[in-house]
Amino acid sequence: MVDRLCQGSATVTELAVPLSMGLPAVLKHLSVLEAAGIVTSEKSGRVRTYRMTADALKLAEGWLAERKALLGQPRIKPDRHRNGESLEVKEA
């Protein structure tokens, strides 16, 4: 869906055609994308059209950058904490 919307706006039906999922599932995915600010929608009569927001890819890039920064960092892993012993830092 995101790949298709990067090419331009599309109706729910247009987005559903190449996918092996029903319209309710497509609408659920689109509502999650809209709640996250990745897409916007506009309704004209019975037709709802979706488009990518201007900053959609920036949001995803920021999220990925945060996760990438975490890679390779030591993480705290509980070892025998139930016995009252201290936690050690282990390399991931």
C-alpha atoms as a PDB file:
ATOM      1  CA  MET A   1       0.000   0.000   0.000  1.00  0.00           C
ATOM      2  CA  VAL A   2       2.754   2.426   0.908  1.00  0.00           C
ATOM      3  CA  ASP A   3       4.613   1.671  -2.327  1.00  0.00           C
ATOM      4  CA  ARG A   4       1.445   2.321  -4.310  1.00  0.00           C
ATOM      5  CA  LEU A   5       0.668   5.549  -2.437  1.00  0.00           C
ATOM      6  CA  CYS A   6       4.199   6.823  -3.093  1.00  0.00           C
ATOM      7  CA  GLN A   7       3.167   6.844  -6.765  1.00  0.00           C
ATOM      8  CA  GLY A   8       0.133   9.037  -6.054  1.00  0.00           C
ATOM      9  CA  SER A   9      -3.265   9.042  -4.396  1.00  0.00           C
ATOM     10  CA  ALA A  10      -5.533   6.003  -4.693  1.00  0.00           C
ATOM     11  CA  THR A  11      -8.972   4.855  -3.645  1.00  0.00           C
ATOM     12  CA  VAL A  12      -9.474   1.994  -1.212  1.00  0.00           C
ATOM     13  CA  THR A  13     -10.593  -0.245  -4.080  1.00  0.00           C
ATOM     14  CA  GLU A  14      -7.498   0.631  -6.139  1.00  0.00           C
ATOM     15  CA  LEU A  15      -5.304  -0.223  -3.167  1.00  0.00           C
ATOM     16  CA  ALA A  16      -7.106  -3.509  -2.522  1.00  0.00           C
ATOM     17  CA  VAL A  17      -6.971  -4.885  -6.096  1.00  0.00           C
ATOM     18  CA  PRO A  18      -3.360  -6.195  -6.087  1.00  0.00           C
ATOM     19  CA  LEU A  19      -3.609  -7.510  -2.516  1.00  0.00           C
ATOM     20  CA  SER A  20      -4.997 -10.824  -1.376  1.00  0.00           C
ATOM     21  CA  MET A  21      -7.101  -9.244   1.358  1.00  0.00           C
ATOM     22  CA  GLY A  22     -10.641  -7.998   1.663  1.00  0.00           C
ATOM     23  CA  LEU A  23     -11.731  -4.388   1.857  1.00  0.00           C
ATOM     24  CA  PRO A  24     -12.243  -4.500   5.657  1.00  0.00           C
ATOM     25  CA  ALA A  25      -8.605  -5.584   6.132  1.00  0.00           C
ATOM     26  CA  VAL A  26      -7.369  -2.906   3.717  1.00  0.00           C
ATOM     27  CA  LEU A  27      -9.392  -0.278   5.589  1.00  0.00           C
ATOM     28  CA  LYS A  28      -7.924  -1.454   8.901  1.00  0.00           C
ATOM     29  CA  HIS A  29      -4.371  -1.095   7.563  1.00  0.00           C
ATOM     30  CA  LEU A  30      -5.173   2.328   6.155  1.00  0.00           C
ATOM     31  CA  SER A  31      -6.699   3.485   9.436  1.00  0.00           C
ATOM     32  CA  VAL A  32      -3.498   2.489  11.267  1.00  0.00           C
ATOM     33  CA  LEU A  33      -1.387   4.368   8.696  1.00  0.00           C
ATOM     34  CA  GLU A  34      -3.666   7.394   9.022  1.00  0.00           C
ATOM     35  CA  ALA A  35      -3.548   7.337  12.829  1.00  0.00           C
ATOM     36  CA  ALA A  36       0.261   7.282  12.581  1.00  0.00           C
ATOM     37  CA  GLY A  37       0.223  10.336  10.304  1.00  0.00           C
ATOM     38  CA  ILE A  38       1.658   8.448   7.332  1.00  0.00           C
ATOM     39  CA  VAL A  39      -1.390   8.860   5.074  1.00  0.00           C
ATOM     40  CA  THR A  40      -4.370  11.188   4.882  1.00  0.00           C
ATOM     41  CA  SER A  41      -7.781  10.504   3.402  1.00  0.00           C
ATOM     42  CA  GLU A  42     -10.546  12.454   1.779  1.00  0.00           C
ATOM     43  CA  LYS A  43     -14.091  11.281   1.193  1.00  0.00           C
ATOM     44  CA  SER A  44     -16.084  12.366  -1.834  1.00  0.00           C
ATOM     45  CA  GLY A  45     -19.519  10.773  -1.883  1.00  0.00           C
ATOM     46  CA  ARG A  46     -18.967   7.059  -1.293  1.00  0.00           C
ATOM     47  CA  VAL A  47     -15.329   7.071  -2.437  1.00  0.00           C
ATOM     48  CA  ARG A  48     -12.457   7.492   0.022  1.00  0.00           C
ATOM     49  CA  THR A  49      -9.083   8.455  -1.461  1.00  0.00           C
ATOM     50  CA  TYR A  50      -5.778   8.103   0.399  1.00  0.00           C
ATOM     51  CA  ARG A  51      -2.463   9.866  -0.160  1.00  0.00           C
ATOM     52  CA  MET A  52       0.911   9.884   1.553  1.00  0.00           C
ATOM     53  CA  THR A  53       1.589  12.844   3.826  1.00  0.00           C
ATOM     54  CA  ALA A  54       4.489  15.118   2.964  1.00  0.00           C
ATOM     55  CA  ASP A  55       6.470  14.013   6.022  1.00  0.00           C
ATOM     56  CA  ALA A  56       5.484  10.330   5.922  1.00  0.00           C
ATOM     57  CA  LEU A  57       8.894   8.998   5.000  1.00  0.00           C
ATOM     58  CA  LYS A  58      10.595  11.353   7.474  1.00  0.00           C
ATOM     59  CA  LEU A  59       8.561   9.737  10.260  1.00  0.00           C
ATOM     60  CA  ALA A  60       9.687   6.277   9.175  1.00  0.00           C
ATOM     61  CA  GLU A  61      13.298   7.413   8.759  1.00  0.00           C
ATOM     62  CA  GLY A  62      13.308   8.846  12.279  1.00  0.00           C
ATOM     63  CA  TRP A  63      11.896   5.639  13.735  1.00  0.00           C
ATOM     64  CA  LEU A  64      14.468   3.539  11.875  1.00  0.00           C
ATOM     65  CA  ALA A  65      17.312   5.837  12.953  1.00  0.00           C
ATOM     66  CA  GLU A  66      16.312   5.422  16.601  1.00  0.00           C
ATOM     67  CA  ARG A  67      16.336   1.633  16.251  1.00  0.00           C
ATOM     68  CA  LYS A  68      19.641   1.673  14.370  1.00  0.00           C
ATOM     69  CA  ALA A  69      21.227   3.696  17.194  1.00  0.00           C
ATOM     70  CA  LEU A  70      20.240   0.947  19.632  1.00  0.00           C
ATOM     71  CA  LEU A  71      22.008  -1.762  17.635  1.00  0.00           C
ATOM     72  CA  GLY A  72      25.308  -2.818  19.131  1.00  0.00           C
ATOM     73  CA  GLN A  73      24.739  -1.003  22.401  1.00  0.00           C
ATOM     74  CA  PRO A  74      25.061  -3.005  25.589  1.00  0.00           C
ATOM     75  CA  ARG A  75      21.753  -3.880  27.100  1.00  0.00           C
ATOM     76  CA  ILE A  76      20.871  -4.635  30.671  1.00  0.00           C
ATOM     77  CA  LYS A  77      19.994  -8.272  31.024  1.00  0.00           C
ATOM     78  CA  PRO A  78      18.667  -9.517  34.338  1.00  0.00           C
ATOM     79  CA  ASP A  79      20.799 -12.300  35.862  1.00  0.00           C
ATOM     80  CA  ARG A  80      19.572 -13.892  39.065  1.00  0.00           C
ATOM     81  CA  HIS A  81      17.756 -10.710  40.045  1.00  0.00           C
ATOM     82  CA  ARG A  82      15.150 -12.748  41.872  1.00  0.00           C
ATOM     83  CA  ASN A  83      17.749 -13.722  44.472  1.00  0.00           C
ATOM     84  CA  GLY A  84      18.514 -10.098  45.221  1.00  0.00           C
ATOM     85  CA  GLU A  85      21.813 -10.081  43.318  1.00  0.00           C
ATOM     86  CA  SER A  86      22.747  -7.088  41.201  1.00  0.00           C
ATOM     87  CA  LEU A  87      22.099  -6.824  37.485  1.00  0.00           C
ATOM     88  CA  GLU A  88      25.018  -7.076  35.078  1.00  0.00           C
ATOM     89  CA  VAL A  89      25.410  -5.408  31.734  1.00  0.00           C
ATOM     90  CA  LYS A  90      25.893  -7.950  28.958  1.00  0.00           C
ATOM     91  CA  GLU A  91      26.931  -7.274  25.394  1.00  0.00           C
ATOM     92  CA  ALA A  92      24.122  -7.966  22.912  1.00  0.00           C
END
